[in-house]
């Protein structure tokens, strides 16, 4: 059992070394790519509670602080991410591509996913003990409560950017109702795309 654990930790160490080499290579190619990867690594490590908690963190880093994307471009990235697995965190790939094409997309994807991978692998042996600790549970509730407030601000910014006319407001309301009724997300996206083509391509 101990030999198996040692092999697992060795694999983790080798993967971490590989990531460090990639970051060094990225810095030589374009320092901005390394800054992008490290920023998204921080987000990947702090996005407790699922992908949606990463939205305000990515917006703050990429839109508000670094100004690498506009709010509209960030919203477009989230919309495109809905047709892929891991729709929220895969938005990091879109951000990376906007910043530095294919290599930027690759480094951004690695940056956002590797921290959670390392944390998961390292904490699995202690999961059963940690989940029963009252202070850990209290800490998690506080973190998730903070994210709710951050998500509210993100939703306000998205609404101010996107809901600029009556058709978009009506489509947003229809999408909300469809999700409430548990209609599959691909159907909602397909309907929204077709309505947009119809409304903005032919009527406006």
Protein backbone atom coordinates (compact mmCIF):
# COMPACT_ATOMS: atom_id res chain seq x y z
CA UNK A 1 0.00 0.00 0.00
CA UNK A 2 2.80 2.40 0.91
CA UNK A 3 4.62 1.61 -2.36
CA UNK A 4 1.47 2.46 -4.33
CA UNK A 5 1.11 5.77 -2.48
CA UNK A 6 4.75 6.61 -3.11
CA UNK A 7 4.23 5.99 -6.85
CA UNK A 8 1.18 8.25 -6.85
CA UNK A 9 3.07 11.06 -5.15
CA UNK A 10 5.98 10.58 -7.56
CA UNK A 11 3.60 10.99 -10.51
CA UNK A 12 2.20 14.15 -8.93
CA UNK A 13 5.71 15.55 -8.42
CA UNK A 14 6.66 14.77 -12.03
CA UNK A 15 3.48 16.43 -13.30
CA UNK A 16 4.19 19.50 -11.17
CA UNK A 17 7.73 19.65 -12.57
CA UNK A 18 6.35 19.37 -16.11
CA UNK A 19 3.96 22.27 -15.46
CA UNK A 20 6.84 24.37 -14.11
CA UNK A 21 8.87 23.66 -17.27
CA UNK A 22 5.90 24.70 -19.42
CA UNK A 23 5.54 27.94 -17.45
CA UNK A 24 9.23 28.71 -17.92
CA UNK A 25 8.92 28.01 -21.64
CA UNK A 26 5.84 30.20 -21.85
CA UNK A 27 7.71 33.02 -20.13
CA UNK A 28 10.46 32.84 -22.75
CA UNK A 29 7.89 32.96 -25.55
CA UNK A 30 5.67 35.64 -24.06
CA UNK A 31 5.67 36.70 -20.36
CA UNK A 32 1.99 37.53 -20.67
CA UNK A 33 1.18 33.83 -21.17
CA UNK A 34 2.86 32.95 -17.87
CA UNK A 35 0.95 35.75 -16.11
CA UNK A 36 -2.26 34.41 -17.65
CA UNK A 37 -1.54 30.84 -16.51
CA UNK A 38 -0.66 31.88 -12.97
CA UNK A 39 -3.76 34.07 -12.68
CA UNK A 40 -5.98 31.21 -13.83
CA UNK A 41 -4.13 28.78 -11.53
CA UNK A 42 -5.06 31.01 -8.62
CA UNK A 43 -8.67 30.98 -9.78
CA UNK A 44 -8.66 27.20 -10.24
CA UNK A 45 -7.37 26.76 -6.70
CA UNK A 46 -9.95 29.10 -5.15
CA UNK A 47 -13.10 28.22 -7.12
CA UNK A 48 -14.79 26.23 -4.35
CA UNK A 49 -18.26 24.91 -5.10
CA UNK A 50 -18.03 24.29 -8.84
CA UNK A 51 -17.39 26.13 -12.06
CA UNK A 52 -19.91 28.90 -11.51
CA UNK A 53 -17.91 30.22 -8.57
CA UNK A 54 -15.03 30.82 -11.01
CA UNK A 55 -17.02 33.35 -13.07
CA UNK A 56 -16.54 36.37 -10.79
CA UNK A 57 -12.89 35.50 -10.24
CA UNK A 58 -12.14 35.21 -13.97
CA UNK A 59 -14.05 38.42 -14.68
CA UNK A 60 -12.14 40.33 -12.02
CA UNK A 61 -8.73 39.11 -13.21
CA UNK A 62 -9.19 39.20 -16.98
CA UNK A 63 -11.72 42.00 -17.44
CA UNK A 64 -11.47 44.38 -14.49
CA UNK A 65 -7.82 44.11 -13.41
CA UNK A 66 -5.82 43.10 -16.48
CA UNK A 67 -8.20 44.45 -19.14
CA UNK A 68 -7.41 41.60 -21.54
CA UNK A 69 -11.11 41.17 -22.37
CA UNK A 70 -14.17 43.37 -22.45
CA UNK A 71 -17.28 42.31 -20.52
CA UNK A 72 -18.95 41.54 -23.86
CA UNK A 73 -16.07 39.30 -24.97
CA UNK A 74 -16.06 37.50 -21.62
CA UNK A 75 -19.80 36.93 -21.90
CA UNK A 76 -19.31 35.57 -25.43
CA UNK A 77 -16.70 33.17 -24.07
CA UNK A 78 -19.10 31.83 -21.45
CA UNK A 79 -21.81 31.44 -24.09
CA UNK A 80 -19.44 29.47 -26.35
CA UNK A 81 -18.36 27.36 -23.39
CA UNK A 82 -21.92 26.12 -22.90
CA UNK A 83 -21.55 23.76 -25.87
CA UNK A 84 -18.46 22.07 -24.37
CA UNK A 85 -17.84 19.81 -21.35
CA UNK A 86 -16.98 21.83 -18.25
CA UNK A 87 -18.64 24.93 -19.73
CA UNK A 88 -17.57 27.52 -17.17
CA UNK A 89 -13.94 26.62 -16.57
CA UNK A 90 -13.39 25.89 -20.28
CA UNK A 91 -14.05 29.61 -20.74
CA UNK A 92 -10.43 29.93 -19.60
CA UNK A 93 -9.46 28.32 -22.93
CA UNK A 94 -11.33 31.06 -24.76
CA UNK A 95 -9.60 33.72 -22.68
CA UNK A 96 -6.20 32.18 -23.39
CA UNK A 97 -6.88 32.11 -27.11
CA UNK A 98 -7.89 35.76 -27.09
CA UNK A 99 -4.70 36.67 -25.24
CA UNK A 100 -2.18 34.58 -27.19
CA UNK A 101 -3.75 32.24 -29.74
CA UNK A 102 -3.36 28.43 -29.51
CA UNK A 103 -0.44 28.30 -27.06
CA UNK A 104 -2.20 30.79 -24.81
CA UNK A 105 -5.35 28.63 -24.92
CA UNK A 106 -3.34 25.52 -23.98
CA UNK A 107 -1.56 27.20 -21.08
CA UNK A 108 -4.77 28.82 -19.84
CA UNK A 109 -6.54 25.44 -19.82
CA UNK A 110 -3.69 23.78 -17.94
CA UNK A 111 -3.51 26.73 -15.56
CA UNK A 112 -7.14 26.58 -14.54
CA UNK A 113 -7.42 22.78 -14.19
CA UNK A 114 -4.12 21.67 -12.67
CA UNK A 115 -4.52 23.26 -9.19
CA UNK A 116 -7.83 21.47 -8.57
CA UNK A 117 -6.26 18.24 -9.86
CA UNK A 118 -3.31 18.51 -7.47
CA UNK A 119 -5.54 19.49 -4.53
CA UNK A 120 -7.88 16.58 -5.23
CA UNK A 121 -5.08 14.01 -5.49
CA UNK A 122 -3.34 15.23 -2.35
CA UNK A 123 -6.48 15.52 -0.22
CA UNK A 124 -8.28 12.30 -1.20
CA UNK A 125 -6.57 10.29 1.60
CA UNK A 126 -7.82 12.83 4.16
CA UNK A 127 -11.26 13.55 2.67
CA UNK A 128 -13.32 11.50 5.12
CA UNK A 129 -11.65 13.16 8.10
CA UNK A 130 -11.86 16.70 6.73
CA UNK A 131 -15.51 16.62 5.69
CA UNK A 132 -16.54 15.87 9.25
CA UNK A 133 -14.60 18.76 10.81
CA UNK A 134 -17.05 21.47 11.89
CA UNK A 135 -14.64 24.36 11.30
CA UNK A 136 -13.95 23.16 7.75
CA UNK A 137 -17.71 23.09 7.08
CA UNK A 138 -18.10 26.59 8.52
CA UNK A 139 -15.24 27.87 6.38
CA UNK A 140 -16.78 26.37 3.23
CA UNK A 141 -20.17 27.97 3.97
CA UNK A 142 -18.54 31.38 4.43
CA UNK A 143 -16.59 31.08 1.19
CA UNK A 144 -19.66 30.03 -0.80
CA UNK A 145 -21.67 32.86 0.77
CA UNK A 146 -19.07 35.35 -0.43
CA UNK A 147 -19.23 33.91 -3.93
CA UNK A 148 -23.00 34.44 -4.05
CA UNK A 149 -22.44 38.18 -3.60
CA UNK A 150 -19.73 38.16 -6.27
CA UNK A 151 -22.00 36.27 -8.68
CA UNK A 152 -24.73 38.85 -8.11
CA UNK A 153 -22.35 41.60 -9.23
CA UNK A 154 -21.31 39.56 -12.29
CA UNK A 155 -24.95 39.01 -13.21
CA UNK A 156 -25.57 42.76 -12.96
CA UNK A 157 -22.60 43.50 -15.24
CA UNK A 158 -23.70 40.87 -17.75
CA UNK A 159 -27.24 42.17 -17.77
CA UNK A 160 -26.10 45.75 -18.28
CA UNK A 161 -23.96 44.65 -21.22
CA UNK A 162 -26.37 42.22 -22.90
CA UNK A 163 -29.95 43.24 -22.12
CA UNK A 164 -29.95 46.35 -24.26
CA UNK A 165 -33.23 45.87 -26.16
CA UNK A 166 -36.64 44.23 -25.81
CA UNK A 167 -35.89 41.02 -27.83
CA UNK A 168 -32.86 40.20 -25.68
CA UNK A 169 -34.79 40.82 -22.47
CA UNK A 170 -37.59 38.53 -23.69
CA UNK A 171 -35.10 35.81 -24.73
CA UNK A 172 -33.41 36.04 -21.33
CA UNK A 173 -36.76 35.66 -19.59
CA UNK A 174 -37.70 32.73 -21.84
CA UNK A 175 -34.36 31.02 -21.14
CA UNK A 176 -34.84 31.50 -17.39
CA UNK A 177 -38.30 29.93 -17.62
CA UNK A 178 -36.98 27.05 -19.74
CA UNK A 179 -34.21 26.28 -17.24
CA UNK A 180 -36.76 26.48 -14.41
CA UNK A 181 -38.82 23.88 -16.28
CA UNK A 182 -35.66 21.72 -16.61
CA UNK A 183 -35.49 21.86 -20.39
CA UNK A 184 -32.14 20.56 -21.66
CA UNK A 185 -29.53 23.29 -22.10
CA UNK A 186 -28.59 22.39 -25.73
CA UNK A 187 -32.21 22.95 -26.79
CA UNK A 188 -32.25 26.35 -25.07
CA UNK A 189 -29.01 27.38 -26.76
CA UNK A 190 -30.22 26.13 -30.16
CA UNK A 191 -33.50 27.99 -29.81
CA UNK A 192 -31.70 31.15 -28.69
CA UNK A 193 -29.33 30.99 -31.65
CA UNK A 194 -32.14 30.48 -34.17
CA UNK A 195 -34.20 33.29 -32.67
CA UNK A 196 -31.20 35.60 -32.77
CA UNK A 197 -30.65 34.87 -36.46
CA UNK A 198 -34.33 35.42 -37.18
CA UNK A 199 -34.69 38.61 -35.15
CA UNK A 200 -31.38 40.34 -35.80
CA UNK A 201 -30.73 38.92 -39.26
CA UNK A 202 -34.11 39.55 -40.85
CA UNK A 203 -36.24 41.79 -38.68
CA UNK A 204 -33.66 44.35 -37.47
